Amino acid sequence: MEIDKQITSAFSEVVNDDINSMILDFVEIILLTNDKLPKEKNIDSGDFLKWLNDAENEARNNNELYSELLKIYDRARIEQKQAYIKFLTTASSKNWQKYAWLLERKYNDLNLQHRIDIGDGKKIIIERAKDETEN
């Protein structure tokens, strides 16, 4: 499948709208993208997810459109993560807790708790030790 500018433009518009890449999953993003496209250019979300989850498949390397959509998504996530971090680090930011909450839930590397599934529906929660300088 060749890269179609109309598809990438619609996808980019959806992903970069507000915080869509942080709060919506791929199926939701594709649904909103398809709303902006003529029916014949709609993206098949199942096909995209299969491509996304099949890293070993040779077809993954050959689908330029899906590769471009993933790049657009990844860039949007980076930019939105940077913007939220900026809000958190700005001394005058009023509602910093909401940005911290959103970041912790979307990015595991920023979460202070890590959950490990040990089977049989049991989980272990590991919390970062509180530094003595923290309140």
Protein backbone atom coordinates (compact mmCIF):
# COMPACT_ATOMS: atom_id res chain seq x y z
CA MET A 1 0.00 0.00 0.00
CA GLU A 2 1.41 3.38 -1.01
CA ILE A 3 1.43 6.41 1.23
CA ASP A 4 -1.72 8.42 0.63
CA LYS A 5 -1.38 12.08 1.68
CA GLN A 6 -5.11 12.40 2.36
CA ILE A 7 -4.98 9.48 4.81
CA THR A 8 -1.81 10.65 6.57
CA SER A 9 -3.16 14.19 6.79
CA ALA A 10 -6.46 13.06 8.36
CA PHE A 11 -4.63 10.70 10.75
CA SER A 12 -2.23 13.47 11.76
CA GLU A 13 -5.10 15.88 12.36
CA VAL A 14 -6.84 13.39 14.68
CA VAL A 15 -3.69 12.30 16.54
CA ASN A 16 -2.51 15.86 17.13
CA ASP A 17 -5.90 17.21 18.23
CA ASP A 18 -5.64 18.10 21.92
CA ILE A 19 -4.35 14.96 23.67
CA ASN A 20 -5.84 12.27 21.44
CA SER A 21 -2.64 10.23 21.18
CA MET A 22 -2.49 10.03 24.96
CA ILE A 23 -6.10 9.16 25.72
CA LEU A 24 -7.32 7.24 22.66
CA ASP A 25 -6.25 3.81 21.48
CA PHE A 26 -5.48 3.00 17.85
CA VAL A 27 -9.00 1.74 17.09
CA GLU A 28 -10.51 5.01 18.34
CA ILE A 29 -7.97 7.10 16.43
CA ILE A 30 -8.62 5.13 13.24
CA LEU A 31 -12.40 5.48 13.71
CA LEU A 32 -12.08 9.27 13.97
CA THR A 33 -9.67 9.31 11.02
CA ASN A 34 -12.09 7.31 8.89
CA ASP A 35 -14.81 9.85 9.68
CA LYS A 36 -12.67 12.41 7.84
CA LEU A 37 -12.02 10.21 4.80
CA PRO A 38 -14.11 9.01 1.88
CA LYS A 39 -15.24 5.41 2.41
CA GLU A 40 -12.86 4.01 -0.23
CA LYS A 41 -9.87 5.39 1.70
CA ASN A 42 -10.90 4.12 5.14
CA ILE A 43 -8.25 2.34 7.19
CA ASP A 44 -9.11 -1.16 8.38
CA SER A 45 -8.36 -1.03 12.12
CA GLY A 46 -8.12 -4.83 12.40
CA ASP A 47 -5.61 -4.97 9.57
CA PHE A 48 -3.59 -2.14 11.12
CA LEU A 49 -3.55 -3.80 14.57
CA LYS A 50 -2.53 -7.14 13.04
CA TRP A 51 0.30 -5.36 11.22
CA LEU A 52 1.29 -3.52 14.39
CA ASN A 53 1.42 -6.68 16.53
CA ASP A 54 3.25 -8.81 13.98
CA ALA A 55 6.80 -7.52 14.22
CA GLU A 56 8.20 -10.72 12.72
CA ASN A 57 6.05 -10.52 9.61
CA GLU A 58 7.79 -9.38 6.45
CA ALA A 59 4.64 -7.50 5.44
CA ARG A 60 5.21 -5.13 8.35
CA ASN A 61 8.36 -3.85 6.74
CA ASN A 62 6.66 -3.46 3.37
CA ASN A 63 3.62 -1.39 4.36
CA GLU A 64 4.74 2.20 3.90
CA LEU A 65 1.36 3.70 4.84
CA TYR A 66 1.14 1.90 8.18
CA SER A 67 4.79 2.70 8.92
CA GLU A 68 4.09 6.38 8.27
CA LEU A 69 0.96 6.33 10.47
CA LEU A 70 2.99 4.80 13.30
CA LYS A 71 5.66 7.50 12.92
CA ILE A 72 2.99 10.23 13.06
CA TYR A 73 1.52 8.64 16.19
CA ASP A 74 4.90 8.24 17.89
CA ARG A 75 5.84 11.88 17.15
CA ALA A 76 2.52 13.12 18.56
CA ARG A 77 3.04 11.07 21.73
CA ILE A 78 6.53 12.50 22.20
CA GLU A 79 5.32 16.08 21.68
CA GLN A 80 2.38 15.66 24.04
CA LYS A 81 4.55 14.00 26.68
CA GLN A 82 7.00 16.92 26.43
CA ALA A 83 4.16 19.44 26.75
CA TYR A 84 2.80 17.75 29.88
CA ILE A 85 6.26 17.59 31.44
CA LYS A 86 6.64 21.30 30.66
CA PHE A 87 3.35 22.04 32.47
CA LEU A 88 4.57 20.01 35.45
CA THR A 89 7.90 21.80 35.66
CA THR A 90 6.46 25.28 35.31
CA ALA A 91 6.27 26.81 38.75
CA SER A 92 3.17 28.80 37.88
CA SER A 93 1.25 25.77 36.61
CA LYS A 94 -1.94 25.57 38.63
CA ASN A 95 -3.36 22.11 38.04
CA TRP A 96 -0.10 20.21 37.84
CA GLN A 97 -1.67 17.16 39.52
CA LYS A 98 -3.94 16.47 36.54
CA TYR A 99 -0.94 16.40 34.20
CA ALA A 100 0.97 14.12 36.57
CA TRP A 101 -2.05 11.82 36.79
CA LEU A 102 -2.39 11.63 32.99
CA LEU A 103 1.33 11.01 32.49
CA GLU A 104 1.47 8.27 35.14
CA ARG A 105 -1.45 6.41 33.59
CA LYS A 106 -0.28 6.61 30.00
CA TYR A 107 3.47 6.11 30.45
CA ASN A 108 4.62 3.18 32.58
CA ASP A 109 8.11 4.63 32.87
CA LEU A 110 6.66 7.62 34.75
CA ASN A 111 4.43 5.59 37.06
CA LEU A 112 5.53 5.34 40.66
CA GLN A 113 3.90 1.92 41.01
CA HIS A 114 4.63 -1.14 38.95
CA ARG A 115 2.21 -4.06 38.85
CA ILE A 116 3.48 -7.55 38.19
CA ASP A 117 0.99 -10.28 37.30
CA ILE A 118 2.02 -13.50 39.06
CA GLY A 119 -0.83 -15.59 37.68
CA ASP A 120 -4.16 -16.81 39.02
CA GLY A 121 -5.39 -13.21 39.01
CA LYS A 122 -2.85 -12.20 41.66
CA LYS A 123 -0.71 -9.10 41.27
CA ILE A 124 2.22 -7.66 43.16
CA ILE A 125 2.42 -3.88 43.43
CA ILE A 126 5.88 -2.41 43.81
CA GLU A 127 6.07 1.24 44.84
CA ARG A 128 9.10 3.44 44.55
CA ALA A 129 10.53 4.19 47.97
CA LYS A 130 9.86 7.75 49.07
CA ASP A 131 12.98 9.86 49.19
CA GLU A 132 13.49 11.69 52.51
CA THR A 133 13.49 15.01 50.61
CA GLU A 134 9.97 14.32 49.25
CA ASN A 135 6.84 15.31 51.13
